[in-house]
Amino acid sequence: MKVLQGLEPASVFGFFEEICSIPHGSGNTRQISDYLVEFARKYARFAYEKGCLPVAPHLYFPQFLKESDVQERMAGIQFGLSLLKECREVWVFGEMMSTNGCGQ
């Protein structure tokens, strides 16, 4: 049985419960990273199937930028914002956005 069952918004708490069920000790973030990458892939695929060009900087930039390096993380955010400026539409999936997501 899901611990957070019945809480609203249900989809947000569903994702929260899935992420919390992944073991993640200090420095052990690989499984969470893999989960989030798969989440982004799923929605990039959705956009592709709708005939759109998916722009998913969260999938691309981590391939060569280090999240742990503050300068590289900030560069990745700026690169993503530059890509966003070229988009005619922005699709947001989910019922709420993190404070980080608002800035990015």
N, C-alpha and C. Protein backbone atom coordinates (compact mmCIF):
# COMPACT_ATOMS: atom_id res chain seq x y z
N MET A 1 0.84 -1.18 0.00
CA MET A 1 0.00 0.00 0.00
C MET A 1 0.88 1.25 0.00
N LYS A 2 0.50 2.22 -0.76
CA LYS A 2 1.26 3.47 -0.83
C LYS A 2 1.03 4.28 0.45
N VAL A 3 2.12 4.77 1.00
CA VAL A 3 2.07 5.52 2.25
C VAL A 3 1.36 6.86 2.07
N LEU A 4 1.54 7.50 0.92
CA LEU A 4 0.99 8.84 0.70
C LEU A 4 -0.34 8.82 -0.06
N GLN A 5 -0.96 7.67 -0.14
CA GLN A 5 -2.21 7.53 -0.88
C GLN A 5 -3.27 8.48 -0.31
N GLY A 6 -3.98 9.15 -1.19
CA GLY A 6 -5.04 10.06 -0.77
C GLY A 6 -4.62 11.51 -0.65
N LEU A 7 -3.32 11.78 -0.67
CA LEU A 7 -2.87 13.17 -0.59
C LEU A 7 -2.96 13.82 -1.97
N GLU A 8 -3.20 15.11 -1.99
CA GLU A 8 -3.35 15.85 -3.25
C GLU A 8 -2.25 16.91 -3.36
N PRO A 9 -1.80 17.20 -4.56
CA PRO A 9 -2.14 16.57 -5.83
C PRO A 9 -1.52 15.18 -5.93
N ALA A 10 -2.34 14.21 -6.28
CA ALA A 10 -1.95 12.80 -6.27
C ALA A 10 -0.73 12.52 -7.15
N SER A 11 -0.67 13.12 -8.34
CA SER A 11 0.45 12.82 -9.23
C SER A 11 1.78 13.31 -8.64
N VAL A 12 1.77 14.44 -7.97
CA VAL A 12 2.99 14.97 -7.36
C VAL A 12 3.44 14.05 -6.23
N PHE A 13 2.52 13.65 -5.36
CA PHE A 13 2.89 12.78 -4.25
C PHE A 13 3.27 11.39 -4.74
N GLY A 14 2.72 10.98 -5.87
CA GLY A 14 3.12 9.71 -6.48
C GLY A 14 4.57 9.74 -6.90
N PHE A 15 4.99 10.83 -7.57
CA PHE A 15 6.40 10.97 -7.96
C PHE A 15 7.29 11.07 -6.73
N PHE A 16 6.84 11.83 -5.74
CA PHE A 16 7.61 11.99 -4.50
C PHE A 16 7.84 10.64 -3.84
N GLU A 17 6.80 9.82 -3.77
CA GLU A 17 6.92 8.50 -3.15
C GLU A 17 7.87 7.59 -3.94
N GLU A 18 7.78 7.66 -5.28
CA GLU A 18 8.69 6.86 -6.11
C GLU A 18 10.14 7.26 -5.86
N ILE A 19 10.41 8.57 -5.85
CA ILE A 19 11.78 9.04 -5.63
C ILE A 19 12.27 8.65 -4.24
N CYS A 20 11.42 8.80 -3.23
CA CYS A 20 11.82 8.47 -1.86
C CYS A 20 12.05 6.97 -1.66
N SER A 21 11.45 6.15 -2.51
CA SER A 21 11.64 4.70 -2.36
C SER A 21 12.99 4.24 -2.92
N ILE A 22 13.70 5.12 -3.62
CA ILE A 22 15.01 4.79 -4.17
C ILE A 22 16.06 5.00 -3.09
N PRO A 23 16.86 3.96 -2.78
CA PRO A 23 17.92 4.13 -1.76
C PRO A 23 18.89 5.22 -2.20
N HIS A 24 19.17 6.16 -1.31
CA HIS A 24 20.08 7.25 -1.68
C HIS A 24 20.80 7.79 -0.46
N GLY A 25 21.85 7.09 -0.09
CA GLY A 25 22.71 7.57 0.99
C GLY A 25 23.54 8.74 0.50
N SER A 26 24.30 9.32 1.37
CA SER A 26 25.13 10.46 1.02
C SER A 26 26.05 10.12 -0.15
N GLY A 27 25.94 10.89 -1.21
CA GLY A 27 26.79 10.69 -2.37
C GLY A 27 26.30 9.58 -3.30
N ASN A 28 25.29 8.84 -2.90
CA ASN A 28 24.77 7.73 -3.69
C ASN A 28 23.50 8.19 -4.41
N THR A 29 23.70 8.92 -5.49
CA THR A 29 22.55 9.51 -6.18
C THR A 29 22.32 8.91 -7.56
N ARG A 30 23.06 7.89 -7.92
CA ARG A 30 22.97 7.33 -9.27
C ARG A 30 21.56 6.84 -9.60
N GLN A 31 20.91 6.13 -8.70
CA GLN A 31 19.58 5.61 -8.98
C GLN A 31 18.56 6.75 -9.15
N ILE A 32 18.67 7.79 -8.35
CA ILE A 32 17.76 8.93 -8.48
C ILE A 32 18.01 9.63 -9.81
N SER A 33 19.27 9.83 -10.14
CA SER A 33 19.63 10.43 -11.42
C SER A 33 19.06 9.63 -12.58
N ASP A 34 19.21 8.31 -12.52
CA ASP A 34 18.68 7.43 -13.57
C ASP A 34 17.15 7.56 -13.67
N TYR A 35 16.48 7.64 -12.54
CA TYR A 35 15.02 7.79 -12.52
C TYR A 35 14.61 9.10 -13.21
N LEU A 36 15.29 10.19 -12.87
CA LEU A 36 14.94 11.49 -13.44
C LEU A 36 15.25 11.57 -14.93
N VAL A 37 16.35 10.94 -15.35
CA VAL A 37 16.69 10.88 -16.77
C VAL A 37 15.61 10.12 -17.53
N GLU A 38 15.17 9.01 -16.97
CA GLU A 38 14.11 8.23 -17.63
C GLU A 38 12.82 9.03 -17.71
N PHE A 39 12.52 9.79 -16.68
CA PHE A 39 11.34 10.67 -16.66
C PHE A 39 11.43 11.68 -17.82
N ALA A 40 12.60 12.31 -17.97
CA ALA A 40 12.79 13.30 -19.04
C ALA A 40 12.71 12.62 -20.41
N ARG A 41 13.29 11.44 -20.54
CA ARG A 41 13.22 10.71 -21.81
C ARG A 41 11.77 10.42 -22.20
N LYS A 42 10.99 10.02 -21.21
CA LYS A 42 9.58 9.69 -21.46
C LYS A 42 8.84 10.88 -22.07
N TYR A 43 9.03 12.07 -21.50
CA TYR A 43 8.32 13.22 -21.99
C TYR A 43 8.93 13.80 -23.26
N ALA A 44 10.22 13.62 -23.46
CA ALA A 44 10.83 14.00 -24.74
C ALA A 44 10.26 13.11 -25.85
N ARG A 45 10.10 11.84 -25.55
CA ARG A 45 9.51 10.91 -26.52
C ARG A 45 8.06 11.32 -26.82
N PHE A 46 7.33 11.72 -25.80
CA PHE A 46 5.95 12.17 -25.97
C PHE A 46 5.90 13.36 -26.95
N ALA A 47 6.79 14.33 -26.76
CA ALA A 47 6.82 15.50 -27.64
C ALA A 47 7.16 15.08 -29.07
N TYR A 48 8.12 14.19 -29.21
CA TYR A 48 8.49 13.68 -30.54
C TYR A 48 7.29 13.02 -31.22
N GLU A 49 6.56 12.20 -30.48
CA GLU A 49 5.41 11.49 -31.04
C GLU A 49 4.28 12.44 -31.42
N LYS A 50 4.28 13.63 -30.84
CA LYS A 50 3.29 14.66 -31.20
C LYS A 50 3.78 15.51 -32.38
N GLY A 51 4.93 15.13 -32.95
CA GLY A 51 5.45 15.84 -34.10
C GLY A 51 6.26 17.08 -33.77
N CYS A 52 6.72 17.17 -32.53
CA CYS A 52 7.49 18.34 -32.09
C CYS A 52 8.96 17.96 -31.90
N LEU A 53 9.80 18.97 -31.90
CA LEU A 53 11.22 18.78 -31.60
C LEU A 53 11.40 18.95 -30.10
N PRO A 54 11.69 17.85 -29.39
CA PRO A 54 11.87 17.99 -27.93
C PRO A 54 13.20 18.69 -27.61
N VAL A 55 13.13 19.69 -26.79
CA VAL A 55 14.33 20.37 -26.30
C VAL A 55 14.44 19.99 -24.83
N ALA A 56 15.41 19.15 -24.53
CA ALA A 56 15.55 18.61 -23.17
C ALA A 56 16.98 18.79 -22.68
N PRO A 57 17.33 20.03 -22.27
CA PRO A 57 18.70 20.28 -21.83
C PRO A 57 19.11 19.43 -20.63
N HIS A 58 18.13 19.00 -19.82
CA HIS A 58 18.45 18.16 -18.66
C HIS A 58 18.95 16.79 -19.09
N LEU A 59 18.68 16.41 -20.34
CA LEU A 59 19.22 15.15 -20.86
C LEU A 59 20.57 15.37 -21.54
N TYR A 60 20.74 16.51 -22.16
CA TYR A 60 21.91 16.76 -22.99
C TYR A 60 23.12 17.25 -22.19
N PHE A 61 22.98 18.34 -21.47
CA PHE A 61 24.13 18.97 -20.83
C PHE A 61 24.84 18.11 -19.78
N PRO A 62 24.13 17.29 -19.00
CA PRO A 62 24.84 16.44 -18.04
C PRO A 62 25.77 15.41 -18.70
N GLN A 63 25.67 15.26 -20.01
CA GLN A 63 26.56 14.33 -20.70
C GLN A 63 28.01 14.82 -20.68
N PHE A 64 28.19 16.16 -20.55
CA PHE A 64 29.56 16.69 -20.55
C PHE A 64 29.81 17.76 -19.49
N LEU A 65 28.79 18.22 -18.80
CA LEU A 65 28.97 19.18 -17.71
C LEU A 65 28.80 18.48 -16.37
N LYS A 66 29.58 18.90 -15.38
CA LYS A 66 29.52 18.29 -14.05
C LYS A 66 28.54 19.06 -13.17
N GLU A 67 27.52 18.36 -12.71
CA GLU A 67 26.53 18.95 -11.81
C GLU A 67 27.18 19.42 -10.51
N SER A 68 28.22 18.73 -10.09
CA SER A 68 28.89 19.04 -8.82
C SER A 68 29.77 20.28 -8.91
N ASP A 69 30.09 20.74 -10.12
CA ASP A 69 30.91 21.93 -10.31
C ASP A 69 29.98 23.14 -10.48
N VAL A 70 30.05 24.08 -9.55
CA VAL A 70 29.11 25.21 -9.55
C VAL A 70 29.18 25.99 -10.86
N GLN A 71 30.37 26.25 -11.37
CA GLN A 71 30.49 27.00 -12.62
C GLN A 71 29.86 26.24 -13.79
N GLU A 72 30.09 24.93 -13.85
CA GLU A 72 29.53 24.14 -14.94
C GLU A 72 28.01 24.02 -14.80
N ARG A 73 27.53 23.90 -13.57
CA ARG A 73 26.07 23.85 -13.36
C ARG A 73 25.42 25.15 -13.83
N MET A 74 26.02 26.29 -13.46
CA MET A 74 25.47 27.58 -13.87
C MET A 74 25.55 27.75 -15.39
N ALA A 75 26.63 27.28 -16.00
CA ALA A 75 26.75 27.34 -17.46
C ALA A 75 25.63 26.51 -18.09
N GLY A 76 25.37 25.33 -17.55
CA GLY A 76 24.30 24.48 -18.07
C GLY A 76 22.94 25.15 -17.98
N ILE A 77 22.69 25.84 -16.88
CA ILE A 77 21.43 26.56 -16.71
C ILE A 77 21.32 27.68 -17.76
N GLN A 78 22.41 28.41 -17.95
CA GLN A 78 22.40 29.49 -18.95
C GLN A 78 22.22 28.94 -20.36
N PHE A 79 22.87 27.82 -20.67
CA PHE A 79 22.70 27.19 -21.98
C PHE A 79 21.24 26.79 -22.19
N GLY A 80 20.65 26.21 -21.16
CA GLY A 80 19.25 25.80 -21.24
C GLY A 80 18.32 26.97 -21.47
N LEU A 81 18.58 28.07 -20.78
CA LEU A 81 17.77 29.28 -20.97
C LEU A 81 17.93 29.84 -22.38
N SER A 82 19.14 29.75 -22.93
CA SER A 82 19.37 30.19 -24.31
C SER A 82 18.55 29.35 -25.28
N LEU A 83 18.52 28.05 -25.05
CA LEU A 83 17.69 27.18 -25.90
C LEU A 83 16.22 27.53 -25.75
N LEU A 84 15.79 27.77 -24.54
CA LEU A 84 14.40 28.10 -24.26
C LEU A 84 13.94 29.34 -25.03
N LYS A 85 14.82 30.30 -25.18
CA LYS A 85 14.48 31.53 -25.89
C LYS A 85 14.16 31.27 -27.36
N GLU A 86 14.66 30.16 -27.89
CA GLU A 86 14.42 29.82 -29.29
C GLU A 86 13.12 29.02 -29.50
N CYS A 87 12.49 28.61 -28.43
CA CYS A 87 11.29 27.77 -28.50
C CYS A 87 10.04 28.62 -28.68
N ARG A 88 9.11 28.12 -29.49
CA ARG A 88 7.82 28.80 -29.66
C ARG A 88 6.83 28.37 -28.59
N GLU A 89 7.02 27.17 -28.03
CA GLU A 89 6.14 26.64 -26.99
C GLU A 89 6.99 26.03 -25.88
N VAL A 90 6.44 26.04 -24.69
CA VAL A 90 7.05 25.36 -23.55
C VAL A 90 5.99 24.47 -22.94
N TRP A 91 6.28 23.20 -22.85
CA TRP A 91 5.36 22.25 -22.23
C TRP A 91 5.88 21.92 -20.84
N VAL A 92 5.04 22.01 -19.84
CA VAL A 92 5.40 21.66 -18.47
C VAL A 92 4.53 20.50 -18.06
N PHE A 93 5.15 19.44 -17.58
CA PHE A 93 4.43 18.24 -17.17
C PHE A 93 4.42 18.16 -15.64
N GLY A 94 3.26 17.88 -15.09
CA GLY A 94 3.11 17.81 -13.65
C GLY A 94 2.19 18.91 -13.17
N GLU A 95 1.91 18.90 -11.89
CA GLU A 95 0.96 19.85 -11.32
C GLU A 95 1.62 20.99 -10.57
N MET A 96 2.91 20.89 -10.33
CA MET A 96 3.59 21.98 -9.64
C MET A 96 5.05 22.01 -10.08
N MET A 97 5.68 23.16 -9.91
CA MET A 97 7.06 23.35 -10.30
C MET A 97 7.88 23.71 -9.05
N SER A 98 9.08 23.16 -8.98
CA SER A 98 9.95 23.50 -7.86
C SER A 98 10.42 24.95 -7.98
N THR A 99 10.92 25.49 -6.90
CA THR A 99 11.46 26.85 -6.97
C THR A 99 12.66 26.87 -7.90
N ASN A 100 13.44 25.80 -7.96
CA ASN A 100 14.56 25.72 -8.92
C ASN A 100 14.03 25.75 -10.33
N GLY A 101 12.95 25.03 -10.60
CA GLY A 101 12.37 24.97 -11.94
C GLY A 101 11.90 26.32 -12.42
N CYS A 102 11.43 27.15 -11.49
CA CYS A 102 10.95 28.49 -11.88
C CYS A 102 12.12 29.33 -12.38
N GLY A 103 13.27 29.18 -11.77
CA GLY A 103 14.43 29.95 -12.19
C GLY A 103 15.09 29.39 -13.43
N GLN A 104 14.85 28.12 -13.71
CA GLN A 104 15.49 27.48 -14.85
C GLN A 104 14.52 27.46 -15.99
